[in-house]
Structures are given as C-alpha cells and as structure tokens.
PDB file of N, CA and C in Angstrom:
ATOM      1  N   TYR A   1     -18.324 -20.048  -0.011  1.00  0.00           N
ATOM      2  CA  TYR A   1     -17.277 -19.553  -0.856  1.00  0.00           C
ATOM      3  C   TYR A   1     -16.867 -20.464  -1.876  1.00  0.00           C
ATOM      4  N   ASN A   2     -16.704 -19.970  -3.133  1.00  0.00           N
ATOM      5  CA  ASN A   2     -16.381 -20.957  -4.236  1.00  0.00           C
ATOM      6  C   ASN A   2     -14.972 -20.546  -4.742  1.00  0.00           C
ATOM      7  N   ASP A   3     -14.065 -21.500  -4.502  1.00  0.00           N
ATOM      8  CA  ASP A   3     -12.693 -21.342  -4.735  1.00  0.00           C
ATOM      9  C   ASP A   3     -12.386 -21.038  -6.159  1.00  0.00           C
ATOM     10  N   ALA A   4     -13.235 -21.532  -7.035  1.00  0.00           N
ATOM     11  CA  ALA A   4     -13.041 -21.405  -8.583  1.00  0.00           C
ATOM     12  C   ALA A   4     -13.369 -20.045  -8.932  1.00  0.00           C
ATOM     13  N   VAL A   5     -14.080 -19.119  -8.147  1.00  0.00           N
ATOM     14  CA  VAL A   5     -14.453 -17.847  -8.438  1.00  0.00           C
ATOM     15  C   VAL A   5     -13.436 -16.916  -7.706  1.00  0.00           C
ATOM     16  N   ARG A   6     -12.585 -16.415  -8.323  1.00  0.00           N
ATOM     17  CA  ARG A   6     -11.461 -15.510  -7.706  1.00  0.00           C
ATOM     18  C   ARG A   6     -11.506 -14.247  -8.457  1.00  0.00           C
ATOM     19  N   PRO A   7     -11.262 -13.095  -7.582  1.00  0.00           N
ATOM     20  CA  PRO A   7     -11.151 -11.817  -8.239  1.00  0.00           C
ATOM     21  C   PRO A   7      -9.887 -11.735  -9.237  1.00  0.00           C
ATOM     22  N   THR A   8      -9.915 -11.077 -10.336  1.00  0.00           N
ATOM     23  CA  THR A   8      -8.837 -10.880 -11.287  1.00  0.00           C
ATOM     24  C   THR A   8      -8.217  -9.535 -11.034  1.00  0.00           C
ATOM     25  N   VAL A   9      -7.094  -9.309 -11.694  1.00  0.00           N
ATOM     26  CA  VAL A   9      -6.552  -8.000 -11.588  1.00  0.00           C
ATOM     27  C   VAL A   9      -7.566  -6.863 -11.976  1.00  0.00           C
ATOM     28  N   GLU A  10      -8.304  -7.079 -13.033  1.00  0.00           N
ATOM     29  CA  GLU A  10      -9.327  -6.191 -13.442  1.00  0.00           C
ATOM     30  C   GLU A  10     -10.358  -5.967 -12.332  1.00  0.00           C
ATOM     31  N   THR A  11     -10.737  -6.876 -11.522  1.00  0.00           N
ATOM     32  CA  THR A  11     -11.666  -6.690 -10.582  1.00  0.00           C
ATOM     33  C   THR A  11     -11.081  -5.778  -9.452  1.00  0.00           C
ATOM     34  N   TYR A  12      -9.922  -6.034  -9.128  1.00  0.00           N
ATOM     35  CA  TYR A  12      -9.204  -5.269  -8.091  1.00  0.00           C
ATOM     36  C   TYR A  12      -9.130  -3.809  -8.652  1.00  0.00           C
ATOM     37  N   ASN A  13      -8.653  -3.685  -9.855  1.00  0.00           N
ATOM     38  CA  ASN A  13      -8.510  -2.414 -10.456  1.00  0.00           C
ATOM     39  C   ASN A  13      -9.828  -1.643 -10.464  1.00  0.00           C
ATOM     40  N   LYS A  14     -10.988  -2.192 -10.601  1.00  0.00           N
ATOM     41  CA  LYS A  14     -12.263  -1.440 -10.606  1.00  0.00           C
ATOM     42  C   LYS A  14     -12.473  -0.907  -9.110  1.00  0.00           C
ATOM     43  N   VAL A  15     -12.079  -1.621  -8.080  1.00  0.00           N
ATOM     44  CA  VAL A  15     -12.210  -1.079  -6.723  1.00  0.00           C
ATOM     45  C   VAL A  15     -11.245   0.150  -6.579  1.00  0.00           C
ATOM     46  N   LEU A  16     -10.009  -0.060  -7.038  1.00  0.00           N
ATOM     47  CA  LEU A  16      -9.003   1.001  -6.884  1.00  0.00           C
ATOM     48  C   LEU A  16      -9.456   2.198  -7.806  1.00  0.00           C
ATOM     49  N   GLU A  17     -10.145   2.022  -8.854  1.00  0.00           N
ATOM     50  CA  GLU A  17     -10.576   3.111  -9.759  1.00  0.00           C
ATOM     51  C   GLU A  17     -11.553   3.989  -8.999  1.00  0.00           C
ATOM     52  N   SER A  18     -12.415   3.452  -8.034  1.00  0.00           N
ATOM     53  CA  SER A  18     -13.380   4.268  -7.307  1.00  0.00           C
ATOM     54  C   SER A  18     -12.824   5.046  -6.153  1.00  0.00           C
ATOM     55  N   CYS A  19     -11.643   4.645  -5.654  1.00  0.00           N
ATOM     56  CA  CYS A  19     -10.981   5.332  -4.413  1.00  0.00           C
ATOM     57  C   CYS A  19     -10.786   6.838  -4.683  1.00  0.00           C
ATOM     58  N   PRO A  20     -10.207   7.264  -5.700  1.00  0.00           N
ATOM     59  CA  PRO A  20      -9.875   8.693  -5.835  1.00  0.00           C
ATOM     60  C   PRO A  20     -11.186   9.546  -6.070  1.00  0.00           C
ATOM     61  N   THR A  21     -12.283   8.904  -6.236  1.00  0.00           N
ATOM     62  CA  THR A  21     -13.489   9.729  -6.494  1.00  0.00           C
ATOM     63  C   THR A  21     -14.217  10.239  -5.207  1.00  0.00           C
ATOM     64  N   ILE A  22     -13.775   9.482  -4.032  1.00  0.00           N
ATOM     65  CA  ILE A  22     -14.323   9.821  -2.719  1.00  0.00           C
ATOM     66  C   ILE A  22     -14.056  11.273  -2.319  1.00  0.00           C
ATOM     67  N   GLN A  23     -15.012  11.935  -1.587  1.00  0.00           N
ATOM     68  CA  GLN A  23     -14.788  13.269  -1.137  1.00  0.00           C
ATOM     69  C   GLN A  23     -15.350  13.365   0.254  1.00  0.00           C
ATOM     70  N   GLY A  24     -14.702  14.264   0.983  1.00  0.00           N
ATOM     71  CA  GLY A  24     -15.058  14.391   2.614  1.00  0.00           C
ATOM     72  C   GLY A  24     -13.900  14.002   3.226  1.00  0.00           C
ATOM     73  N   THR A  25     -13.397  14.769   4.280  1.00  0.00           N
ATOM     74  CA  THR A  25     -12.216  14.457   5.036  1.00  0.00           C
ATOM     75  C   THR A  25     -12.078  13.060   5.580  1.00  0.00           C
ATOM     76  N   ASP A  26     -13.180  12.467   6.254  1.00  0.00           N
ATOM     77  CA  ASP A  26     -13.075  11.278   6.908  1.00  0.00           C
ATOM     78  C   ASP A  26     -13.022  10.257   5.840  1.00  0.00           C
ATOM     79  N   ALA A  27     -13.818  10.352   4.691  1.00  0.00           N
ATOM     80  CA  ALA A  27     -13.969   9.362   3.666  1.00  0.00           C
ATOM     81  C   ALA A  27     -12.658   9.316   2.873  1.00  0.00           C
ATOM     82  N   VAL A  28     -11.992  10.401   2.829  1.00  0.00           N
ATOM     83  CA  VAL A  28     -10.759  10.452   1.999  1.00  0.00           C
ATOM     84  C   VAL A  28      -9.639   9.572   2.656  1.00  0.00           C
ATOM     85  N   ASP A  29      -9.534   9.721   3.982  1.00  0.00           N
ATOM     86  CA  ASP A  29      -8.514   8.927   4.691  1.00  0.00           C
ATOM     87  C   ASP A  29      -8.913   7.496   4.560  1.00  0.00           C
ATOM     88  N   LYS A  30     -10.275   7.078   4.579  1.00  0.00           N
ATOM     89  CA  LYS A  30     -10.644   5.624   4.464  1.00  0.00           C
ATOM     90  C   LYS A  30     -10.459   5.160   3.013  1.00  0.00           C
ATOM     91  N   ALA A  31     -10.711   6.010   2.104  1.00  0.00           N
ATOM     92  CA  ALA A  31     -10.396   5.672   0.766  1.00  0.00           C
ATOM     93  C   ALA A  31      -9.046   5.360   0.373  1.00  0.00           C
ATOM     94  N   LEU A  32      -8.014   6.037   0.836  1.00  0.00           N
ATOM     95  CA  LEU A  32      -6.693   5.980   0.680  1.00  0.00           C
ATOM     96  C   LEU A  32      -6.287   4.515   1.379  1.00  0.00           C
ATOM     97  N   ARG A  33      -6.845   4.319   2.615  1.00  0.00           N
ATOM     98  CA  ARG A  33      -6.445   3.114   3.268  1.00  0.00           C
ATOM     99  C   ARG A  33      -6.959   1.904   2.465  1.00  0.00           C
ATOM    100  N   ILE A  34      -8.237   2.051   2.020  1.00  0.00           N
ATOM    101  CA  ILE A  34      -8.842   1.061   1.197  1.00  0.00           C
ATOM    102  C   ILE A  34      -8.075   0.695  -0.058  1.00  0.00           C
ATOM    103  N   ALA A  35      -7.594   1.754  -0.768  1.00  0.00           N
ATOM    104  CA  ALA A  35      -6.805   1.573  -2.024  1.00  0.00           C
ATOM    105  C   ALA A  35      -5.539   0.718  -1.727  1.00  0.00           C
ATOM    106  N   PHE A  36      -4.699   0.980  -0.645  1.00  0.00           N
ATOM    107  CA  PHE A  36      -3.576   0.290  -0.369  1.00  0.00           C
ATOM    108  C   PHE A  36      -3.860  -1.174   0.300  1.00  0.00           C
ATOM    109  N   ASP A  37      -5.022  -1.221   0.952  1.00  0.00           N
ATOM    110  CA  ASP A  37      -5.465  -2.537   1.442  1.00  0.00           C
ATOM    111  C   ASP A  37      -5.720  -3.410   0.367  1.00  0.00           C
ATOM    112  N   VAL A  38      -6.489  -2.881  -0.691  1.00  0.00           N
ATOM    113  CA  VAL A  38      -6.750  -3.741  -1.977  1.00  0.00           C
ATOM    114  C   VAL A  38      -5.531  -4.190  -2.618  1.00  0.00           C
ATOM    115  N   TYR A  39      -4.667  -3.257  -2.737  1.00  0.00           N
ATOM    116  CA  TYR A  39      -3.254  -3.607  -3.449  1.00  0.00           C
ATOM    117  C   TYR A  39      -2.555  -4.603  -2.615  1.00  0.00           C
ATOM    118  N   ASN A  40      -2.532  -4.554  -1.304  1.00  0.00           N
ATOM    119  CA  ASN A  40      -1.833  -5.522  -0.491  1.00  0.00           C
ATOM    120  C   ASN A  40      -2.501  -6.910  -0.580  1.00  0.00           C
ATOM    121  N   GLY A  41      -3.936  -6.749  -0.648  1.00  0.00           N
ATOM    122  CA  GLY A  41      -4.598  -7.994  -0.691  1.00  0.00           C
ATOM    123  C   GLY A  41      -4.342  -8.759  -2.049  1.00  0.00           C
ATOM    124  N   MET A  42      -4.254  -7.957  -3.147  1.00  0.00           N
ATOM    125  CA  MET A  42      -3.866  -8.599  -4.331  1.00  0.00           C
ATOM    126  C   MET A  42      -2.611  -9.380  -4.198  1.00  0.00           C
ATOM    127  N   ILE A  43      -1.572  -8.726  -3.719  1.00  0.00           N
ATOM    128  CA  ILE A  43      -0.256  -9.303  -3.513  1.00  0.00           C
ATOM    129  C   ILE A  43      -0.436 -10.678  -2.732  1.00  0.00           C
ATOM    130  N   ASP A  44      -1.082 -10.526  -1.501  1.00  0.00           N
ATOM    131  CA  ASP A  44      -1.261 -11.595  -0.590  1.00  0.00           C
ATOM    132  C   ASP A  44      -1.966 -12.822  -1.330  1.00  0.00           C
ATOM    133  N   ARG A  45      -2.818 -12.550  -2.215  1.00  0.00           N
ATOM    134  CA  ARG A  45      -3.620 -13.549  -2.820  1.00  0.00           C
ATOM    135  C   ARG A  45      -3.034 -14.052  -4.206  1.00  0.00           C
ATOM    136  N   GLY A  46      -1.843 -13.560  -4.472  1.00  0.00           N
ATOM    137  CA  GLY A  46      -1.119 -13.924  -5.697  1.00  0.00           C
ATOM    138  C   GLY A  46      -1.570 -13.392  -6.954  1.00  0.00           C
ATOM    139  N   VAL A  47      -2.383 -12.238  -6.855  1.00  0.00           N
ATOM    140  CA  VAL A  47      -2.823 -11.711  -8.077  1.00  0.00           C
ATOM    141  C   VAL A  47      -1.765 -10.633  -8.506  1.00  0.00           C
ATOM    142  N   ASN A  48      -1.182 -10.683  -9.611  1.00  0.00           N
ATOM    143  CA  ASN A  48      -0.109  -9.811 -10.075  1.00  0.00           C
ATOM    144  C   ASN A  48      -0.615  -8.402 -10.560  1.00  0.00           C
ATOM    145  N   PRO A  49      -0.382  -7.296  -9.814  1.00  0.00           N
ATOM    146  CA  PRO A  49      -0.738  -5.999 -10.321  1.00  0.00           C
ATOM    147  C   PRO A  49      -0.146  -5.692 -11.802  1.00  0.00           C
ATOM    148  N   ASN A  50      -0.871  -4.898 -12.442  1.00  0.00           N
ATOM    149  CA  ASN A  50      -0.320  -4.472 -13.808  1.00  0.00           C
ATOM    150  C   ASN A  50      -0.151  -2.996 -13.752  1.00  0.00           C
ATOM    151  N   SER A  51       0.273  -2.398 -14.848  1.00  0.00           N
ATOM    152  CA  SER A  51       0.493  -0.968 -14.866  1.00  0.00           C
ATOM    153  C   SER A  51      -0.745  -0.167 -14.542  1.00  0.00           C
ATOM    154  N   GLU A  52      -1.880  -0.749 -14.947  1.00  0.00           N
ATOM    155  CA  GLU A  52      -3.112   0.078 -14.465  1.00  0.00           C
ATOM    156  C   GLU A  52      -3.197   0.137 -12.959  1.00  0.00           C
ATOM    157  N   THR A  53      -2.938  -0.809 -12.391  1.00  0.00           N
ATOM    158  CA  THR A  53      -3.037  -0.953 -10.904  1.00  0.00           C
ATOM    159  C   THR A  53      -2.084   0.222 -10.239  1.00  0.00           C
ATOM    160  N   TYR A  54      -0.824   0.283 -10.675  1.00  0.00           N
ATOM    161  CA  TYR A  54       0.023   1.260 -10.210  1.00  0.00           C
ATOM    162  C   TYR A  54      -0.350   2.735 -10.597  1.00  0.00           C
ATOM    163  N   ALA A  55      -0.915   2.838 -11.858  1.00  0.00           N
ATOM    164  CA  ALA A  55      -1.317   4.202 -12.200  1.00  0.00           C
ATOM    165  C   ALA A  55      -2.612   4.586 -11.252  1.00  0.00           C
ATOM    166  N   LEU A  56      -3.431   3.692 -10.985  1.00  0.00           N
ATOM    167  CA  LEU A  56      -4.606   4.010 -10.132  1.00  0.00           C
ATOM    168  C   LEU A  56      -4.089   4.286  -8.717  1.00  0.00           C
ATOM    169  N   LEU A  57      -3.080   3.532  -8.175  1.00  0.00           N
ATOM    170  CA  LEU A  57      -2.676   4.063  -6.951  1.00  0.00           C
ATOM    171  C   LEU A  57      -2.026   5.360  -6.880  1.00  0.00           C
ATOM    172  N   LEU A  58      -1.303   5.673  -7.891  1.00  0.00           N
ATOM    173  CA  LEU A  58      -0.687   7.050  -7.993  1.00  0.00           C
ATOM    174  C   LEU A  58      -1.841   8.128  -8.052  1.00  0.00           C
ATOM    175  N   LYS A  59      -2.944   7.680  -8.884  1.00  0.00           N
ATOM    176  CA  LYS A  59      -3.948   8.639  -8.926  1.00  0.00           C
ATOM    177  C   LYS A  59      -4.614   8.953  -7.657  1.00  0.00           C
ATOM    178  N   ALA A  60      -4.763   7.872  -6.656  1.00  0.00           N
ATOM    179  CA  ALA A  60      -5.338   7.939  -5.437  1.00  0.00           C
ATOM    180  C   ALA A  60      -4.433   8.745  -4.613  1.00  0.00           C
ATOM    181  N   CYS A  61      -3.132   8.703  -4.791  1.00  0.00           N
ATOM    182  CA  CYS A  61      -2.182   9.505  -3.910  1.00  0.00           C
ATOM    183  C   CYS A  61      -2.472  11.019  -4.356  1.00  0.00           C
ATOM    184  N   ARG A  62      -2.497  11.232  -5.556  1.00  0.00           N
ATOM    185  CA  ARG A  62      -2.755  12.603  -6.117  1.00  0.00           C
ATOM    186  C   ARG A  62      -4.045  13.272  -5.763  1.00  0.00           C
ATOM    187  N   SER A  63      -5.087  12.396  -5.813  1.00  0.00           N
ATOM    188  CA  SER A  63      -6.443  12.900  -5.511  1.00  0.00           C
ATOM    189  C   SER A  63      -6.846  13.044  -4.079  1.00  0.00           C
ATOM    190  N   LEU A  64      -6.264  12.181  -3.266  1.00  0.00           N
ATOM    191  CA  LEU A  64      -6.597  12.009  -1.891  1.00  0.00           C
ATOM    192  C   LEU A  64      -5.766  12.769  -0.790  1.00  0.00           C
ATOM    193  N   LEU A  65      -4.467  13.018  -1.309  1.00  0.00           N
ATOM    194  CA  LEU A  65      -3.629  13.730  -0.424  1.00  0.00           C
ATOM    195  C   LEU A  65      -3.247  15.211  -0.915  1.00  0.00           C
ATOM    196  N   PRO A  66      -3.201  16.089  -0.030  1.00  0.00           N
ATOM    197  CA  PRO A  66      -2.858  17.475  -0.440  1.00  0.00           C
ATOM    198  C   PRO A  66      -1.442  17.584  -1.079  1.00  0.00           C
ATOM    199  N   HIS A  67      -1.296  18.463  -2.055  1.00  0.00           N
ATOM    200  CA  HIS A  67      -0.088  18.633  -2.845  1.00  0.00           C
ATOM    201  C   HIS A  67       1.071  18.853  -1.838  1.00  0.00           C
ATOM    202  N   ASP A  68       0.871  19.618  -0.751  1.00  0.00           N
ATOM    203  CA  ASP A  68       2.046  19.934   0.005  1.00  0.00           C
ATOM    204  C   ASP A  68       2.300  18.959   1.115  1.00  0.00           C
ATOM    205  N   GLU A  69       1.642  17.927   1.182  1.00  0.00           N
ATOM    206  CA  GLU A  69       1.812  16.900   2.201  1.00  0.00           C
ATOM    207  C   GLU A  69       2.936  15.829   1.770  1.00  0.00           C
ATOM    208  N   ASP A  70       3.960  15.732   2.702  1.00  0.00           N
ATOM    209  CA  ASP A  70       5.056  14.938   2.339  1.00  0.00           C
ATOM    210  C   ASP A  70       4.740  13.529   2.183  1.00  0.00           C
ATOM    211  N   LYS A  71       3.638  13.070   2.765  1.00  0.00           N
ATOM    212  CA  LYS A  71       3.167  11.550   2.603  1.00  0.00           C
ATOM    213  C   LYS A  71       2.861  11.369   1.137  1.00  0.00           C
ATOM    214  N   ARG A  72       2.324  12.351   0.456  1.00  0.00           N
ATOM    215  CA  ARG A  72       1.889  12.126  -0.837  1.00  0.00           C
ATOM    216  C   ARG A  72       3.049  11.638  -1.739  1.00  0.00           C
ATOM    217  N   ASN A  73       4.245  12.501  -1.615  1.00  0.00           N
ATOM    218  CA  ASN A  73       5.337  12.064  -2.492  1.00  0.00           C
ATOM    219  C   ASN A  73       5.969  10.860  -2.064  1.00  0.00           C
ATOM    220  N   VAL A  74       6.002  10.613  -0.713  1.00  0.00           N
ATOM    221  CA  VAL A  74       6.608   9.340  -0.239  1.00  0.00           C
ATOM    222  C   VAL A  74       5.844   8.095  -0.743  1.00  0.00           C
ATOM    223  N   LEU A  75       4.445   8.237  -0.610  1.00  0.00           N
ATOM    224  CA  LEU A  75       3.723   7.112  -1.044  1.00  0.00           C
ATOM    225  C   LEU A  75       3.723   6.872  -2.686  1.00  0.00           C
ATOM    226  N   ALA A  76       3.858   8.022  -3.387  1.00  0.00           N
ATOM    227  CA  ALA A  76       4.026   7.934  -4.820  1.00  0.00           C
ATOM    228  C   ALA A  76       5.345   7.414  -5.211  1.00  0.00           C
ATOM    229  N   GLN A  77       6.345   7.724  -4.473  1.00  0.00           N
ATOM    230  CA  GLN A  77       7.592   7.097  -4.840  1.00  0.00           C
ATOM    231  C   GLN A  77       7.649   5.584  -4.522  1.00  0.00           C
ATOM    232  N   SER A  78       6.958   5.110  -3.440  1.00  0.00           N
ATOM    233  CA  SER A  78       7.017   3.818  -3.053  1.00  0.00           C
ATOM    234  C   SER A  78       6.085   2.987  -4.144  1.00  0.00           C
ATOM    235  N   VAL A  79       5.018   3.575  -4.696  1.00  0.00           N
ATOM    236  CA  VAL A  79       4.294   2.977  -5.634  1.00  0.00           C
ATOM    237  C   VAL A  79       5.078   2.791  -6.990  1.00  0.00           C
ATOM    238  N   PHE A  80       5.761   3.912  -7.307  1.00  0.00           N
ATOM    239  CA  PHE A  80       6.480   3.895  -8.483  1.00  0.00           C
ATOM    240  C   PHE A  80       7.610   2.787  -8.499  1.00  0.00           C
ATOM    241  N   LEU A  81       8.329   2.800  -7.295  1.00  0.00           N
ATOM    242  CA  LEU A  81       9.370   1.730  -7.224  1.00  0.00           C
ATOM    243  C   LEU A  81       8.904   0.304  -7.255  1.00  0.00           C
ATOM    244  N   ALA A  82       7.611   0.064  -6.629  1.00  0.00           N
ATOM    245  CA  ALA A  82       6.940  -1.203  -6.753  1.00  0.00           C
ATOM    246  C   ALA A  82       6.663  -1.517  -8.271  1.00  0.00           C
ATOM    247  N   ALA A  83       6.143  -0.565  -8.852  1.00  0.00           N
ATOM    248  CA  ALA A  83       5.699  -0.720 -10.284  1.00  0.00           C
ATOM    249  C   ALA A  83       7.028  -1.168 -11.106  1.00  0.00           C
ATOM    250  N   LYS A  84       8.179  -0.395 -10.765  1.00  0.00           N
ATOM    251  CA  LYS A  84       9.367  -0.658 -11.445  1.00  0.00           C
ATOM    252  C   LYS A  84       9.917  -2.143 -11.183  1.00  0.00           C
ATOM    253  N   GLU A  85       9.778  -2.509  -9.898  1.00  0.00           N
ATOM    254  CA  GLU A  85      10.185  -3.830  -9.556  1.00  0.00           C
ATOM    255  C   GLU A  85       9.453  -4.963 -10.160  1.00  0.00           C
ATOM    256  N   HIS A  86       8.191  -4.614 -10.435  1.00  0.00           N
ATOM    257  CA  HIS A  86       7.368  -5.664 -11.127  1.00  0.00           C
ATOM    258  C   HIS A  86       7.404  -5.433 -12.639  1.00  0.00           C
ATOM    259  N   GLY A  87       8.143  -4.539 -13.228  1.00  0.00           N
ATOM    260  CA  GLY A  87       8.222  -4.431 -14.631  1.00  0.00           C
ATOM    261  C   GLY A  87       6.995  -3.799 -15.244  1.00  0.00           C
ATOM    262  N   GLN A  88       6.269  -2.989 -14.481  1.00  0.00           N
ATOM    263  CA  GLN A  88       5.000  -2.307 -14.844  1.00  0.00           C
ATOM    264  C   GLN A  88       5.063  -0.861 -15.152  1.00  0.00           C
ATOM    265  N   ILE A  89       6.165  -0.339 -15.545  1.00  0.00           N
ATOM    266  CA  ILE A  89       6.274   1.129 -15.802  1.00  0.00           C
ATOM    267  C   ILE A  89       5.853   1.298 -17.378  1.00  0.00           C
ATOM    268  N   ASP A  90       4.755   2.261 -17.566  1.00  0.00           N
ATOM    269  CA  ASP A  90       4.366   2.436 -18.884  1.00  0.00           C
ATOM    270  C   ASP A  90       3.993   3.926 -18.872  1.00  0.00           C
ATOM    271  N   HIS A  91       3.349   4.404 -20.045  1.00  0.00           N
ATOM    272  CA  HIS A  91       2.973   5.796 -20.022  1.00  0.00           C
ATOM    273  C   HIS A  91       1.862   6.260 -18.944  1.00  0.00           C
ATOM    274  N   ARG A  92       1.102   5.198 -18.552  1.00  0.00           N
ATOM    275  CA  ARG A  92       0.011   5.608 -17.599  1.00  0.00           C
ATOM    276  C   ARG A  92       0.619   5.833 -16.228  1.00  0.00           C
ATOM    277  N   VAL A  93       1.632   5.010 -15.835  1.00  0.00           N
ATOM    278  CA  VAL A  93       2.319   5.112 -14.560  1.00  0.00           C
ATOM    279  C   VAL A  93       3.162   6.497 -14.613  1.00  0.00           C
ATOM    280  N   LEU A  94       3.837   6.776 -15.680  1.00  0.00           N
ATOM    281  CA  LEU A  94       4.684   8.007 -15.679  1.00  0.00           C
ATOM    282  C   LEU A  94       3.782   9.185 -15.837  1.00  0.00           C
ATOM    283  N   THR A  95       2.605   9.166 -16.454  1.00  0.00           N
ATOM    284  CA  THR A  95       1.688  10.342 -16.525  1.00  0.00           C
ATOM    285  C   THR A  95       1.219  10.593 -15.074  1.00  0.00           C
ATOM    286  N   GLN A  96       0.845   9.548 -14.371  1.00  0.00           N
ATOM    287  CA  GLN A  96       0.182   9.689 -13.024  1.00  0.00           C
ATOM    288  C   GLN A  96       1.325  10.283 -12.063  1.00  0.00           C
ATOM    289  N   LEU A  97       2.542   9.709 -12.246  1.00  0.00           N
ATOM    290  CA  LEU A  97       3.595  10.158 -11.401  1.00  0.00           C
ATOM    291  C   LEU A  97       3.900  11.669 -11.559  1.00  0.00           C
ATOM    292  N   GLY A  98       3.869  12.004 -12.753  1.00  0.00           N
ATOM    293  CA  GLY A  98       4.120  13.420 -13.200  1.00  0.00           C
ATOM    294  C   GLY A  98       2.907  14.299 -12.738  1.00  0.00           C
ATOM    295  N   LEU A  99       1.798  13.854 -12.576  1.00  0.00           N
ATOM    296  CA  LEU A  99       0.678  14.770 -11.973  1.00  0.00           C
ATOM    297  C   LEU A  99       0.698  14.783 -10.577  1.00  0.00           C
ATOM    298  N   VAL A 100       1.363  13.722  -9.884  1.00  0.00           N
ATOM    299  CA  VAL A 100       1.534  13.871  -8.501  1.00  0.00           C
ATOM    300  C   VAL A 100       2.616  14.874  -8.179  1.00  0.00           C
ATOM    301  N   ASP A 101       3.738  14.827  -9.005  1.00  0.00           N
ATOM    302  CA  ASP A 101       4.968  15.806  -8.751  1.00  0.00           C
ATOM    303  C   ASP A 101       5.796  15.670  -9.979  1.00  0.00           C
ATOM    304  N   GLN A 102       5.834  16.584 -10.765  1.00  0.00           N
ATOM    305  CA  GLN A 102       6.908  16.384 -11.835  1.00  0.00           C
ATOM    306  C   GLN A 102       8.227  16.185 -11.610  1.00  0.00           C
ATOM    307  N   ASP A 103       8.749  16.825 -10.367  1.00  0.00           N
ATOM    308  CA  ASP A 103       9.966  16.569  -9.794  1.00  0.00           C
ATOM    309  C   ASP A 103      10.267  15.066  -9.490  1.00  0.00           C
ATOM    310  N   LEU A 104       9.248  14.336  -9.236  1.00  0.00           N
ATOM    311  CA  LEU A 104       9.444  12.951  -8.872  1.00  0.00           C
ATOM    312  C   LEU A 104       9.747  12.122 -10.178  1.00  0.00           C
ATOM    313  N   VAL A 105       9.151  12.541 -11.329  1.00  0.00           N
ATOM    314  CA  VAL A 105       9.551  11.965 -12.581  1.00  0.00           C
ATOM    315  C   VAL A 105      11.032  12.138 -12.850  1.00  0.00           C
ATOM    316  N   VAL A 106      11.574  13.283 -12.746  1.00  0.00           N
ATOM    317  CA  VAL A 106      12.889  13.658 -13.137  1.00  0.00           C
ATOM    318  C   VAL A 106      13.617  12.846 -12.126  1.00  0.00           C
ATOM    319  N   ARG A 107      13.350  12.903 -10.874  1.00  0.00           N
ATOM    320  CA  ARG A 107      14.322  12.189  -9.913  1.00  0.00           C
ATOM    321  C   ARG A 107      14.283  10.664 -10.102  1.00  0.00           C
ATOM    322  N   MET A 108      13.148  10.055 -10.410  1.00  0.00           N
ATOM    323  CA  MET A 108      13.089   8.607 -10.526  1.00  0.00           C
ATOM    324  C   MET A 108      13.723   8.245 -11.899  1.00  0.00           C
ATOM    325  N   ASN A 109      13.693   8.948 -12.911  1.00  0.00           N
ATOM    326  CA  ASN A 109      14.372   8.794 -14.038  1.00  0.00           C
ATOM    327  C   ASN A 109      15.891   8.780 -14.004  1.00  0.00           C
ATOM    328  N   SER A 110      16.358   9.835 -13.084  1.00  0.00           N
ATOM    329  CA  SER A 110      17.868   9.941 -12.819  1.00  0.00           C
ATOM    330  C   SER A 110      18.410   8.832 -12.051  1.00  0.00           C
ATOM    331  N   GLU A 111      17.467   8.115 -11.285  1.00  0.00           N
ATOM    332  CA  GLU A 111      18.146   7.002 -10.518  1.00  0.00           C
ATOM    333  C   GLU A 111      18.252   5.748 -11.251  1.00  0.00           C
ATOM    334  N   GLU A 112      17.946   5.716 -12.545  1.00  0.00           N
ATOM    335  CA  GLU A 112      17.880   4.432 -13.344  1.00  0.00           C
ATOM    336  C   GLU A 112      19.371   4.261 -13.912  1.00  0.00           C
TER     337      GLU A 112
END
C-alpha cells in the first residue's frame, strides 16, 4: 500500500457514477449500498465531497429506488441537507433533486 497514492474526489465520483447504471433487483440493492458506502468512505478518509458527488448520490436514489418508495425521498432529503451543510448546492444538485421529486425542491427551498 502506497500512502502517497490516495483516491481523489474524482476517483470516488467515478465509482458513484457507475452505481445508477446497475440493473436487477439484487444488484440494485447492492449498488445503492455501495454508493453510500463510497460516500461514507470519502468522509472517513478526509476527502471532501463536491457538488458532483451529491448530484450522483441523488441520481442513485432516483435510479435505484421506486418513485413511490418513501426511502427514496428520505435518502434524497438527507443527501440534499448534507450538500447544503457542505456548501455544495448547485444546478446539478437541484436538477437531480427535482428529478427525484419536484415537491422536494419546493420543500427544501421553503426551509431556507
């Protein structure tokens, strides 16, 4: 293991980018778990997520969870709040949040 070679935010984002493309019931559950494990690993290793990270997590929620599942909106709201806390809200995050559920965008904006 070489301590000088560490994954960057871009490296983590590439892994996150692949998660929403997974298909198949068992694989979808694993892909969602992987996406959030990758995110938590970034945080644990001191790698600061950027707006692309949060947009990709929202895309994973949208792509991997059914529209009518409560977990989808709960996770999306948590991702949005984390992005807000880290100052990473931009058009990509807002677009993905709107694709998850337009009502979440309205609700999150009204809480500011």
